[in-house]
Amino acid sequence: MKDALHELLQHALDSLRRDGVLHAPAPDFAIERARARGHGDFACNVAMLLAKQVGRKPRDLAEAIVAALPTTPLVAKVEVAGPGFINFFLGDAAWHGEVRRVLHAGARYGHGEAGAGKVVGVEFVSANPTGPLHVGHARAAAIGDTLSRLFAATGWKVYREYYYNDAGAQIQNLALSVQARIKGINPDEAGWPADGYRGDYIRDVAADYLAGVTVAAGGDRVTAAKNPDDLDAIRRFAVAWLRSEQDADLRAFGVEFDVYFLESSLYRDNKVQQVVDRIAAEGHSYEADGALWLRATEFGDDKDRVMRKSDGTYTYFVPDVAYHLSKWERGYKRAVTELGADHHGSLARVRAGLQALALGIPKDWPEYVLHQMVTVLKGGEEVKISKRAGSYVTLRDLIDMAGLDATRYFLIARKSDSQLTFDIDLARSQTNDNPVYYIQYAHARVCSVERQMRERGIAFAPEAALRQLDQLDSTYARDVMAGIARFPETVEAAADNREPHLLAQYLRELAGAFHVWYNAEQFLVDDDAQRNARVALAYATRQVLANGLGMLGVSAPETM
């Protein structure tokens, strides 16, 4: 509808330009949904943007624009309000047309072509393979996977990518922890590594290593050497074991990746050194205090950053620059990186490093989505401990406690940069207070209507129904139609702004409008025309709910 109204306004502006009222192209103007029903369905600010240019009062210009608008059954009335807003009141034909579009497009309704022919890489989770995935990783998985689904729905070719930090001190601590368990040393006993990992999973890794188990991860297969003194073999096996476990947890969460990228490959292939050399060749580094520094302040960072320390090792952001360079070289003209908010400090230095390479990479590339912490409540108290992980709640714990659908929905329901409280009791409840239950129940209610029709031998005539939509004359039905019509723009906005919570909130609002309508009016009435129209709208609502839930990775059950 926004596109249709934009076209009508553009037609009016062209007419005024031919009449000499306007002398230049109009600036970009916005068409927004009205905030109050009394102000119509949509409002536009074009008159206020143009008034100074043409030397007329905004309200007078708005009235001239309205007078030049072509007539259309889509618009019942147009008013000028306030200082010069143009308010559109849609006609029944607009709402009925949207119901027809839903039933015609089916599973494709809400999909667009904004990213047609373009490639986007979405990196998310990217946990160190040192333990089970925790609730922060779970939120990252929900956000990243939903964003990927939204990008795909808007036409992008999407590559889901996982970056394994399989190098560095944490991996060494993992190997030492497993080795200690292999040798029968327990946490808090003499000989346990100072920074060792204490969860029960370390004991499981050690047992499988001694048993000579073979594990598969990312296309590689690693067989345990069984030698308790071969720390390199223990490290390789432990990393593969935990990668395999993490992959299994993510599959259980409905998340699959197209690309697995190992940090260790950047060192193996000398990519980190090549980045450092390239930055030096471009004159964007210098030596000081025995270290090599990036002139990050030249590219918007608040201070210069050490790339190579005095002991010859690289700081952690340098391989991140090399990794993101690989994304650019692989054709990701749009790259989205989802991270925990504690990584905020690294964003500017990674972008500065990419700019210092002088390869034409845009200044705002890659795009970042940051998520805040998750607090898990059960019985009104915070849950902090997982027996398997030792000191934190895992993704698998959440799924076991709340179920897959509720876990995915709850982790996506709030804006990613806001803190999230995950109430297990609410997620498990079958009440209207539980948003995922509320949405799924709306879908199941329509399926129930369909079953009742079959049981009672009532035939639905879809072709006739689409001609009888004028029977949808109540405020309740109109609210549902207005909600349905918001779906395509909500999907596009959620993808463009990297805010998947917009879709979760929208589905709850649409479900709410449907439940109110369902409780106010009977669907299976004796009048054929009225019944056909109401059932058609119910089917359209079900389709939109199913499409939206699918984009969230949540099921659309037929019974509850």
Protein backbone atom coordinates (compact mmCIF):
# COMPACT_ATOMS: atom_id res chain seq x y z
CA MET A 1 0.00 0.00 0.00
CA LYS A 2 2.85 2.40 0.69
CA ASP A 3 4.11 1.83 -2.85
CA ALA A 4 0.64 2.40 -4.29
CA LEU A 5 0.17 5.65 -2.33
CA HIS A 6 3.67 6.81 -3.29
CA GLU A 7 2.74 6.31 -6.94
CA LEU A 8 -0.48 8.32 -6.50
CA LEU A 9 1.41 11.19 -4.87
CA GLN A 10 4.09 11.12 -7.54
CA HIS A 11 1.35 11.37 -10.18
CA ALA A 12 -0.08 14.44 -8.39
CA LEU A 13 3.35 16.08 -8.11
CA ASP A 14 4.03 15.50 -11.81
CA SER A 15 0.67 17.14 -12.58
CA LEU A 16 1.54 20.18 -10.47
CA ARG A 17 4.92 20.39 -12.15
CA ARG A 18 3.27 20.46 -15.57
CA ASP A 19 1.01 23.26 -14.32
CA GLY A 20 4.00 25.30 -13.18
CA VAL A 21 3.28 25.00 -9.46
CA LEU A 22 6.44 22.98 -8.90
CA HIS A 23 9.75 23.57 -10.62
CA ALA A 24 12.03 20.84 -9.29
CA PRO A 25 11.80 17.15 -8.44
CA ALA A 26 10.37 16.42 -5.01
CA PRO A 27 12.79 15.34 -2.28
CA ASP A 28 12.41 11.91 -0.75
CA PHE A 29 9.20 11.87 1.23
CA ALA A 30 7.89 9.38 3.73
CA ILE A 31 4.57 7.59 3.84
CA GLU A 32 3.93 6.35 7.36
CA ARG A 33 1.12 4.50 9.03
CA ALA A 34 -1.10 6.89 10.97
CA ARG A 35 -0.69 6.71 14.73
CA ALA A 36 -4.40 7.14 15.47
CA ARG A 37 -7.39 5.77 13.55
CA GLY A 38 -8.95 9.24 13.39
CA HIS A 39 -6.01 10.38 11.28
CA GLY A 40 -6.65 7.77 8.61
CA ASP A 41 -4.53 4.80 7.65
CA PHE A 42 -1.44 6.53 6.22
CA ALA A 43 0.06 10.02 6.41
CA CYS A 44 2.60 11.84 4.22
CA ASN A 45 4.81 14.87 4.86
CA VAL A 46 5.62 15.79 1.24
CA ALA A 47 3.91 19.21 1.38
CA MET A 48 6.04 20.33 4.32
CA LEU A 49 9.21 19.22 2.53
CA LEU A 50 8.29 21.14 -0.63
CA ALA A 51 6.73 24.29 0.85
CA LYS A 52 9.91 26.34 1.20
CA GLN A 53 11.06 25.35 -2.27
CA VAL A 54 7.89 26.69 -3.92
CA GLY A 55 7.28 29.58 -1.52
CA ARG A 56 3.87 28.45 -0.31
CA LYS A 57 2.40 27.55 3.05
CA PRO A 58 2.62 23.79 3.64
CA ARG A 59 -1.10 23.46 4.24
CA ASP A 60 -1.98 25.33 1.02
CA LEU A 61 0.44 23.17 -0.95
CA ALA A 62 -0.98 20.02 0.65
CA GLU A 63 -4.47 21.00 -0.50
CA ALA A 64 -3.16 21.54 -4.04
CA ILE A 65 -1.53 18.09 -4.00
CA VAL A 66 -4.73 16.47 -2.76
CA ALA A 67 -6.73 18.20 -5.51
CA ALA A 68 -4.31 16.74 -8.10
CA LEU A 69 -4.52 13.18 -6.83
CA PRO A 70 -6.09 10.73 -9.30
CA THR A 71 -9.19 8.94 -8.10
CA THR A 72 -8.83 5.29 -7.12
CA PRO A 73 -11.03 2.75 -5.33
CA LEU A 74 -8.08 2.09 -3.01
CA VAL A 75 -8.61 5.44 -1.26
CA ALA A 76 -11.95 6.39 0.27
CA LYS A 77 -10.96 9.83 1.53
CA VAL A 78 -7.97 12.18 1.75
CA GLU A 79 -7.66 14.96 4.33
CA VAL A 80 -5.16 17.70 5.08
CA ALA A 81 -4.32 17.87 8.77
CA GLY A 82 -2.21 20.02 11.08
CA PRO A 83 0.54 22.04 9.42
CA GLY A 84 0.22 20.14 6.15
CA PHE A 85 0.09 16.38 6.64
CA ILE A 86 -1.83 14.48 3.96
CA ASN A 87 -3.88 11.72 5.57
CA PHE A 88 -5.20 8.79 3.52
CA PHE A 89 -8.26 6.78 4.52
CA LEU A 90 -8.21 3.53 2.57
CA GLY A 91 -11.28 2.10 0.92
CA ASP A 92 -12.55 -1.43 1.29
CA ALA A 93 -11.02 -2.32 -2.08
CA ALA A 94 -7.53 -1.84 -0.64
CA TRP A 95 -8.09 -4.27 2.23
CA HIS A 96 -9.92 -6.81 0.08
CA GLY A 97 -7.13 -6.68 -2.48
CA GLU A 98 -4.60 -7.58 0.20
CA VAL A 99 -6.63 -10.63 1.28
CA ARG A 100 -6.70 -11.77 -2.37
CA ARG A 101 -2.94 -11.29 -2.61
CA VAL A 102 -2.33 -13.44 0.48
CA LEU A 103 -4.47 -16.30 -0.79
CA HIS A 104 -2.93 -16.09 -4.26
CA ALA A 105 0.72 -15.87 -3.10
CA GLY A 106 0.40 -18.42 -0.28
CA ALA A 107 3.77 -19.26 1.26
CA ARG A 108 5.41 -16.53 -0.85
CA TYR A 109 3.31 -13.72 0.63
CA GLY A 110 5.57 -11.26 2.43
CA HIS A 111 8.59 -12.21 0.34
CA GLY A 112 10.28 -9.48 -1.68
CA GLU A 113 13.10 -8.82 -4.12
CA ALA A 114 15.02 -6.02 -2.37
CA GLY A 115 18.18 -8.14 -2.33
CA ALA A 116 17.66 -9.93 -5.64
CA GLY A 117 20.98 -11.02 -7.15
CA LYS A 118 23.00 -9.85 -4.12
CA VAL A 119 25.04 -11.88 -1.65
CA VAL A 120 25.05 -11.42 2.12
CA GLY A 121 27.14 -13.31 4.61
CA VAL A 122 25.75 -13.60 8.13
CA GLU A 123 28.21 -14.67 10.81
CA PHE A 124 26.82 -15.62 14.18
CA VAL A 125 27.44 -17.71 17.30
CA SER A 126 31.17 -18.18 16.50
CA ALA A 127 31.84 -19.64 19.94
CA ASN A 128 35.22 -20.83 21.09
CA PRO A 129 35.20 -24.65 20.97
CA THR A 130 35.99 -24.84 24.68
CA GLY A 131 32.61 -25.84 26.11
CA PRO A 132 28.87 -26.21 25.49
CA LEU A 133 26.98 -23.27 24.00
CA HIS A 134 25.57 -21.00 26.71
CA VAL A 135 22.45 -18.79 26.73
CA GLY A 136 24.34 -15.91 25.13
CA HIS A 137 25.24 -18.17 22.21
CA ALA A 138 21.60 -19.27 22.12
CA ARG A 139 20.46 -15.66 21.69
CA ALA A 140 23.09 -15.16 19.00
CA ALA A 141 21.87 -18.28 17.20
CA ALA A 142 18.24 -17.13 17.29
CA ILE A 143 19.10 -13.62 16.08
CA GLY A 144 21.53 -14.72 13.36
CA ASP A 145 19.36 -17.49 12.00
CA THR A 146 16.23 -15.32 11.95
CA LEU A 147 18.13 -12.54 10.20
CA SER A 148 19.31 -15.08 7.63
CA ARG A 149 15.72 -16.20 7.05
CA LEU A 150 14.58 -12.59 6.71
CA PHE A 151 17.33 -11.80 4.21
CA ALA A 152 16.37 -14.87 2.20
CA ALA A 153 12.72 -13.77 2.28
CA THR A 154 13.73 -10.39 0.83
CA GLY A 155 15.62 -11.92 -2.06
CA TRP A 156 19.22 -12.10 -0.82
CA LYS A 157 21.50 -15.07 -1.44
CA VAL A 158 22.44 -15.87 2.14
CA TYR A 159 25.51 -17.65 3.49
CA ARG A 160 25.38 -18.53 7.18
CA GLU A 161 28.90 -18.54 8.58
CA TYR A 162 30.48 -19.80 11.79
CA TYR A 163 33.96 -18.61 12.80
CA TYR A 164 35.75 -21.03 15.10
CA ASN A 165 38.29 -19.40 17.43
CA ASP A 166 40.38 -22.55 17.56
CA ALA A 167 43.68 -20.84 18.33
CA GLY A 168 45.06 -19.05 21.38
CA ALA A 169 45.35 -19.38 25.14
CA GLN A 170 41.80 -20.64 25.72
CA ILE A 171 42.39 -23.65 23.49
CA GLN A 172 45.60 -24.40 25.36
CA ASN A 173 43.68 -24.25 28.65
CA LEU A 174 41.13 -26.66 27.19
CA ALA A 175 43.86 -29.14 26.25
CA LEU A 176 45.49 -28.88 29.69
CA SER A 177 42.11 -29.41 31.39
CA VAL A 178 41.37 -32.55 29.38
CA GLN A 179 44.89 -33.84 29.98
CA ALA A 180 44.47 -33.36 33.73
CA ARG A 181 41.21 -35.36 33.66
CA ILE A 182 42.91 -38.07 31.60
CA LYS A 183 45.53 -38.37 34.32
CA GLY A 184 42.89 -38.60 37.03
CA ILE A 185 43.28 -35.08 38.39
CA ASN A 186 40.05 -33.38 39.45
CA PRO A 187 39.31 -29.67 39.85
CA ASP A 188 40.62 -28.21 43.13
CA GLU A 189 43.27 -30.95 43.35
CA ALA A 190 46.99 -30.35 43.02
CA GLY A 191 48.06 -30.30 39.39
CA TRP A 192 44.78 -28.87 38.05
CA PRO A 193 45.45 -26.02 35.55
CA ALA A 194 45.05 -22.56 37.07
CA ASP A 195 42.61 -21.49 34.32
CA GLY A 196 41.20 -24.93 33.63
CA TYR A 197 37.63 -25.72 32.57
CA ARG A 198 35.66 -27.45 35.33
CA GLY A 199 32.45 -28.71 33.71
CA ASP A 200 31.53 -32.37 33.57
CA TYR A 201 31.97 -32.27 29.79
CA ILE A 202 35.76 -32.20 30.29
CA ARG A 203 35.51 -35.62 31.94
CA ASP A 204 33.47 -36.86 28.95
CA VAL A 205 36.11 -35.61 26.48
CA ALA A 206 38.85 -37.30 28.51
CA ALA A 207 36.97 -40.60 28.64
CA ASP A 208 36.41 -40.62 24.87
CA TYR A 209 40.07 -39.73 24.25
CA LEU A 210 41.25 -42.70 26.31
CA ALA A 211 38.74 -44.91 24.50
CA GLY A 212 40.15 -43.98 21.08
CA VAL A 213 36.85 -42.53 19.86
CA THR A 214 36.59 -40.92 16.41
CA VAL A 215 34.61 -37.67 16.16
CA ALA A 216 33.49 -35.74 13.07
CA ALA A 217 33.31 -31.96 12.90
CA GLY A 218 32.99 -29.69 9.89
CA GLY A 219 33.89 -32.42 7.43
CA ASP A 220 36.99 -33.49 9.39
CA ARG A 221 37.35 -36.72 11.36
CA VAL A 222 39.70 -36.91 14.34
CA THR A 223 40.58 -40.17 16.12
CA ALA A 224 41.85 -40.00 19.68
CA ALA A 225 45.50 -40.97 20.05
CA LYS A 226 44.91 -42.27 23.62
CA ASN A 227 48.40 -41.03 24.64
CA PRO A 228 47.99 -38.95 27.85
CA ASP A 229 51.27 -37.11 27.26
CA ASP A 230 50.59 -35.97 23.66
CA LEU A 231 49.14 -32.51 24.38
CA ASP A 232 48.85 -31.61 20.68
CA ALA A 233 46.80 -34.76 20.01
CA ILE A 234 44.64 -34.01 23.05
CA ARG A 235 44.07 -30.45 21.81
CA ARG A 236 43.06 -31.59 18.30
CA PHE A 237 40.68 -34.19 19.69
CA ALA A 238 39.14 -31.89 22.32
CA VAL A 239 38.48 -29.14 19.76
CA ALA A 240 36.90 -31.60 17.32
CA TRP A 241 34.83 -33.19 20.13
CA LEU A 242 33.43 -29.85 21.26
CA ARG A 243 32.86 -28.64 17.71
CA SER A 244 30.82 -31.80 17.13
CA GLU A 245 28.83 -31.18 20.33
CA GLN A 246 28.16 -27.55 19.44
CA ASP A 247 27.07 -28.53 15.94
CA ALA A 248 24.62 -31.06 17.39
CA ASP A 249 23.15 -28.47 19.76
CA LEU A 250 22.69 -26.00 16.91
CA ARG A 251 21.01 -28.61 14.71
CA ALA A 252 18.63 -29.33 17.59
CA PHE A 253 17.92 -25.58 17.61
CA GLY A 254 17.09 -25.65 13.90
CA VAL A 255 20.29 -23.87 12.85
CA GLU A 256 22.55 -25.00 10.02
CA PHE A 257 25.62 -23.24 8.60
CA ASP A 258 26.91 -23.02 5.05
CA VAL A 259 30.49 -22.08 5.93
CA TYR A 260 32.71 -23.08 8.85
CA PHE A 261 35.86 -20.97 9.07
CA LEU A 262 38.78 -21.82 11.37
CA GLU A 263 40.87 -19.07 12.93
CA SER A 264 43.84 -21.44 12.81
CA SER A 265 43.65 -21.42 9.00
CA LEU A 266 44.52 -17.71 8.99
CA TYR A 267 47.85 -18.50 10.66
CA ARG A 268 48.41 -21.66 8.64
CA ASP A 269 47.93 -19.76 5.37
CA ASN A 270 49.92 -16.71 6.58
CA LYS A 271 46.86 -14.44 6.15
CA VAL A 272 47.45 -12.56 9.41
CA GLN A 273 51.01 -11.61 8.44
CA GLN A 274 49.81 -10.58 4.98
CA VAL A 275 47.33 -8.17 6.55
CA VAL A 276 50.04 -6.65 8.73
CA ASP A 277 52.37 -6.31 5.75
CA ARG A 278 49.67 -4.70 3.60
CA ILE A 279 48.83 -2.13 6.28
CA ALA A 280 52.53 -1.31 6.64
CA ALA A 281 52.94 -0.97 2.88
CA GLU A 282 50.06 1.53 2.82
CA GLY A 283 51.79 3.58 5.52
CA HIS A 284 49.18 3.05 8.19
CA SER A 285 51.35 1.45 10.89
CA TYR A 286 54.36 2.45 12.97
CA GLU A 287 56.79 1.03 15.54
CA ALA A 288 56.73 2.28 19.14
CA ASP A 289 57.75 0.78 22.49
CA GLY A 290 58.82 -2.41 20.76
CA ALA A 291 55.33 -2.97 19.30
CA LEU A 292 53.74 -2.46 15.89
CA TRP A 293 50.77 -0.06 15.94
CA LEU A 294 47.85 0.57 13.61
CA ARG A 295 47.11 4.26 12.98
CA ALA A 296 43.48 3.56 13.86
CA THR A 297 42.74 7.22 14.67
CA GLU A 298 43.09 7.96 10.95
CA PHE A 299 39.96 5.86 10.42
CA GLY A 300 37.72 7.06 13.23
CA ASP A 301 38.91 5.01 16.22
CA ASP A 302 39.50 6.89 19.47
CA LYS A 303 43.15 5.80 19.71
CA ASP A 304 45.81 3.88 17.81
CA ARG A 305 45.92 0.14 18.40
CA VAL A 306 48.70 -2.39 18.91
CA MET A 307 48.77 -5.02 16.17
CA ARG A 308 51.89 -6.95 17.14
CA LYS A 309 53.07 -6.95 20.74
CA SER A 310 56.69 -6.69 21.82
CA ASP A 311 56.83 -10.48 22.28
CA GLY A 312 55.98 -10.96 18.59
CA THR A 313 52.40 -12.21 19.06
CA TYR A 314 49.40 -10.54 17.45
CA THR A 315 46.61 -8.85 19.35
CA TYR A 316 43.22 -10.51 18.95
CA PHE A 317 41.71 -7.99 16.52
CA VAL A 318 44.33 -8.57 13.82
CA PRO A 319 43.12 -12.07 12.86
CA ASP A 320 39.60 -10.59 12.95
CA VAL A 321 40.68 -8.12 10.27
CA ALA A 322 42.18 -10.97 8.22
CA TYR A 323 38.99 -12.99 8.64
CA HIS A 324 36.73 -10.16 7.51
CA LEU A 325 39.04 -9.48 4.59
CA SER A 326 38.42 -13.08 3.53
CA LYS A 327 34.68 -12.35 3.51
CA TRP A 328 35.23 -9.38 1.21
CA GLU A 329 37.41 -11.47 -1.08
CA ARG A 330 34.73 -14.18 -1.14
CA GLY A 331 32.22 -11.72 -2.57
CA TYR A 332 30.22 -10.72 0.52
CA LYS A 333 29.39 -7.20 -0.59
CA ARG A 334 27.14 -7.15 2.45
CA ALA A 335 28.39 -8.81 5.61
CA VAL A 336 26.57 -8.93 8.94
CA THR A 337 28.42 -9.99 12.09
CA GLU A 338 26.36 -10.86 15.18
CA LEU A 339 28.26 -10.56 18.45
CA GLY A 340 27.75 -10.19 22.18
CA ALA A 341 27.75 -6.62 23.44
CA ASP A 342 31.07 -7.26 25.23
CA HIS A 343 32.71 -7.23 21.78
CA HIS A 344 31.66 -3.62 21.16
CA GLY A 345 35.19 -2.32 21.67
CA SER A 346 36.58 -4.35 18.78
CA LEU A 347 34.21 -2.99 16.12
CA ALA A 348 35.99 0.29 15.42
CA ARG A 349 39.45 -1.28 15.30
CA VAL A 350 38.36 -4.05 12.89
CA ARG A 351 36.81 -1.48 10.56
CA ALA A 352 39.91 0.70 10.91
CA GLY A 353 42.11 -2.26 9.98
CA LEU A 354 39.99 -2.97 6.91
CA GLN A 355 40.17 0.68 5.83
CA ALA A 356 43.94 0.68 6.31
CA LEU A 357 44.22 -2.07 3.69
CA ALA A 358 43.10 0.49 1.05
CA LEU A 359 41.10 -2.08 -0.92
CA GLY A 360 37.93 -0.06 -1.43
CA ILE A 361 36.02 -1.69 1.42
CA PRO A 362 33.17 0.65 2.56
CA LYS A 363 33.67 2.44 5.88
CA ASP A 364 30.56 0.90 7.44
CA TRP A 365 31.47 -2.64 6.36
CA PRO A 366 30.84 -5.06 7.98
CA GLU A 367 27.51 -4.36 9.67
CA TYR A 368 27.26 -5.37 13.29
CA VAL A 369 24.37 -6.64 15.41
CA LEU A 370 25.14 -6.74 19.12
CA HIS A 371 23.11 -8.64 21.68
CA GLN A 372 22.90 -8.06 25.41
CA MET A 373 22.92 -10.59 28.23
CA VAL A 374 20.19 -13.13 28.96
CA THR A 375 18.95 -13.82 32.49
CA VAL A 376 17.11 -17.12 32.96
CA LEU A 377 14.36 -17.32 35.61
CA LYS A 378 12.59 -20.40 36.90
CA GLY A 379 10.19 -20.31 39.82
CA GLY A 380 10.93 -16.62 40.12
CA GLU A 381 14.63 -17.22 40.79
CA GLU A 382 17.64 -16.83 38.54
CA VAL A 383 19.09 -20.04 37.12
CA LYS A 384 22.89 -19.89 36.86
CA ILE A 385 24.21 -23.41 37.07
CA SER A 386 24.26 -26.26 34.58
CA LYS A 387 25.60 -29.57 35.85
CA ARG A 388 27.13 -30.37 32.50
CA ALA A 389 28.71 -26.97 31.84
CA GLY A 390 29.59 -26.27 35.44
CA SER A 391 28.85 -22.55 35.78
CA TYR A 392 26.32 -21.45 33.18
CA VAL A 393 23.01 -22.38 31.56
CA THR A 394 23.43 -23.97 28.14
CA LEU A 395 21.44 -23.83 24.93
CA ARG A 396 20.52 -27.48 25.44
CA ASP A 397 19.26 -26.64 28.95
CA LEU A 398 16.94 -23.97 27.52
CA ILE A 399 15.51 -26.30 24.90
CA ASP A 400 14.99 -29.04 27.50
CA MET A 401 13.29 -26.67 29.94
CA ALA A 402 11.19 -24.51 27.60
CA GLY A 403 10.91 -26.36 24.28
CA LEU A 404 12.31 -25.44 20.90
CA ASP A 405 9.56 -23.05 19.74
CA ALA A 406 9.38 -21.04 22.94
CA THR A 407 13.17 -20.84 23.17
CA ARG A 408 13.52 -19.46 19.65
CA TYR A 409 10.66 -16.99 20.04
CA PHE A 410 11.64 -15.68 23.48
CA LEU A 411 15.25 -15.12 22.41
CA ILE A 412 14.14 -13.04 19.42
CA ALA A 413 11.19 -11.20 20.97
CA ARG A 414 13.09 -8.17 22.27
CA LYS A 415 15.47 -5.83 20.47
CA SER A 416 18.88 -7.48 20.44
CA ASP A 417 20.72 -4.64 22.18
CA SER A 418 18.36 -4.77 25.18
CA GLN A 419 18.82 -7.13 28.10
CA LEU A 420 16.51 -10.13 28.08
CA THR A 421 14.86 -12.03 30.92
CA PHE A 422 13.89 -15.55 29.87
CA ASP A 423 11.11 -16.76 32.16
CA ILE A 424 10.98 -20.54 31.86
CA ASP A 425 7.60 -20.78 33.61
CA LEU A 426 6.05 -18.27 31.19
CA ALA A 427 7.59 -20.01 28.19
CA ARG A 428 6.06 -23.33 29.29
CA SER A 429 2.62 -21.93 30.10
CA GLN A 430 -0.38 -22.46 27.86
CA THR A 431 -1.99 -19.08 28.48
CA ASN A 432 -2.49 -15.89 26.52
CA ASP A 433 0.34 -14.34 28.53
CA ASN A 434 2.77 -16.60 26.67
CA PRO A 435 3.29 -14.83 23.33
CA VAL A 436 4.38 -17.87 21.32
CA TYR A 437 1.41 -19.89 22.59
CA TYR A 438 -0.89 -16.92 21.80
CA ILE A 439 0.36 -16.76 18.20
CA GLN A 440 0.34 -20.51 17.59
CA TYR A 441 -3.16 -20.74 19.10
CA ALA A 442 -4.44 -18.26 16.52
CA HIS A 443 -3.06 -20.47 13.75
CA ALA A 444 -4.56 -23.59 15.34
CA ARG A 445 -7.95 -21.90 15.69
CA VAL A 446 -8.19 -21.42 11.93
CA CYS A 447 -7.24 -25.05 11.42
CA SER A 448 -10.04 -25.95 13.82
CA VAL A 449 -12.51 -23.95 11.72
CA GLU A 450 -11.38 -25.88 8.66
CA ARG A 451 -11.86 -29.21 10.46
CA GLN A 452 -15.34 -28.20 11.60
CA MET A 453 -16.27 -27.38 8.02
CA ARG A 454 -15.17 -30.83 6.86
CA GLU A 455 -17.02 -32.54 9.70
CA ARG A 456 -20.22 -30.62 8.95
CA GLY A 457 -19.96 -31.04 5.19
CA ILE A 458 -19.68 -27.29 4.58
CA ALA A 459 -17.97 -26.49 1.30
CA PHE A 460 -15.72 -23.46 0.95
CA ALA A 461 -15.95 -21.78 -2.44
CA PRO A 462 -12.68 -19.81 -2.80
CA GLU A 463 -13.54 -18.15 -6.12
CA ALA A 464 -16.90 -16.99 -4.80
CA ALA A 465 -15.33 -15.90 -1.50
CA LEU A 466 -12.95 -13.56 -3.25
CA ARG A 467 -15.95 -11.83 -4.84
CA GLN A 468 -17.80 -11.66 -1.53
CA LEU A 469 -15.21 -9.90 0.61
CA ASP A 470 -17.52 -6.88 0.88
CA GLN A 471 -19.24 -8.94 3.59
CA LEU A 472 -16.26 -8.14 5.83
CA ASP A 473 -17.80 -4.94 7.11
CA SER A 474 -17.05 -5.02 10.84
CA THR A 475 -14.36 -3.10 12.67
CA TYR A 476 -12.97 -6.42 13.94
CA ALA A 477 -12.49 -7.82 10.42
CA ARG A 478 -11.02 -4.53 9.22
CA ASP A 479 -8.44 -4.59 12.02
CA VAL A 480 -7.37 -8.08 10.93
CA MET A 481 -7.10 -7.00 7.29
CA ALA A 482 -5.08 -3.93 8.29
CA GLY A 483 -2.79 -6.18 10.32
CA ILE A 484 -2.30 -8.58 7.43
CA ALA A 485 -1.40 -5.72 5.10
CA ARG A 486 1.50 -4.74 7.39
CA PHE A 487 3.28 -8.07 6.94
CA PRO A 488 5.36 -7.38 3.80
CA GLU A 489 6.67 -4.04 5.07
CA THR A 490 7.40 -5.56 8.49
CA VAL A 491 9.51 -8.30 6.91
CA GLU A 492 11.38 -5.75 4.81
CA ALA A 493 11.96 -3.41 7.76
CA ALA A 494 13.12 -6.27 10.02
CA ALA A 495 15.68 -7.31 7.39
CA ASP A 496 16.81 -3.81 6.37
CA ASN A 497 17.24 -2.60 9.95
CA ARG A 498 18.61 -5.93 11.23
CA GLU A 499 15.86 -5.99 13.86
CA PRO A 500 14.18 -9.41 13.80
CA HIS A 501 12.22 -8.59 16.97
CA LEU A 502 9.96 -6.42 14.78
CA LEU A 503 8.55 -9.59 13.20
CA ALA A 504 8.02 -11.30 16.56
CA GLN A 505 6.11 -8.28 17.86
CA TYR A 506 4.08 -8.00 14.67
CA LEU A 507 2.91 -11.62 14.86
CA ARG A 508 1.69 -11.12 18.41
CA GLU A 509 -0.28 -8.04 17.33
CA LEU A 510 -1.83 -9.85 14.36
CA ALA A 511 -2.75 -12.81 16.57
CA GLY A 512 -4.35 -10.38 19.00
CA ALA A 513 -6.50 -8.79 16.28
CA PHE A 514 -7.53 -12.23 15.09
CA HIS A 515 -8.50 -13.49 18.56
CA VAL A 516 -10.66 -10.39 19.13
CA TRP A 517 -12.40 -10.94 15.78
CA TYR A 518 -12.81 -14.69 16.40
CA ASN A 519 -14.46 -14.04 19.77
CA ALA A 520 -16.73 -11.31 18.38
CA GLU A 521 -18.13 -12.96 15.24
CA GLN A 522 -19.08 -16.48 14.24
CA PHE A 523 -17.43 -17.79 11.10
CA LEU A 524 -19.65 -20.76 10.18
CA VAL A 525 -22.90 -18.85 9.76
CA ASP A 526 -25.80 -19.92 7.53
CA ASP A 527 -25.37 -17.09 5.03
CA ASP A 528 -23.06 -18.46 2.30
CA ALA A 529 -21.59 -15.11 1.26
CA GLN A 530 -20.84 -14.00 4.81
CA ARG A 531 -19.37 -17.39 5.72
CA ASN A 532 -17.19 -17.51 2.61
CA ALA A 533 -15.82 -14.03 3.26
CA ARG A 534 -15.02 -14.70 6.91
CA VAL A 535 -13.41 -18.04 6.19
CA ALA A 536 -11.33 -16.46 3.41
CA LEU A 537 -10.01 -13.85 5.83
CA ALA A 538 -9.35 -16.53 8.45
CA TYR A 539 -7.37 -18.56 5.90
CA ALA A 540 -5.40 -15.45 4.91
CA THR A 541 -4.59 -14.80 8.57
CA ARG A 542 -3.42 -18.39 9.02
CA GLN A 543 -1.16 -18.06 5.99
CA VAL A 544 0.49 -14.89 7.27
CA LEU A 545 0.99 -16.38 10.72
CA ALA A 546 2.54 -19.51 9.21
CA ASN A 547 4.82 -17.46 6.95
CA GLY A 548 5.96 -15.26 9.82
CA LEU A 549 6.51 -18.11 12.26
CA GLY A 550 8.54 -19.90 9.59
CA MET A 551 10.82 -16.87 9.33
CA LEU A 552 11.35 -17.08 13.09
CA GLY A 553 12.07 -20.82 12.88
CA VAL A 554 8.97 -21.54 14.99
CA SER A 555 6.38 -24.17 14.09
CA ALA A 556 2.75 -23.42 13.16
CA PRO A 557 0.76 -26.23 14.79
CA GLU A 558 -2.68 -27.28 13.58
CA THR A 559 -3.84 -28.32 17.05
CA MET A 560 -2.97 -27.05 20.51
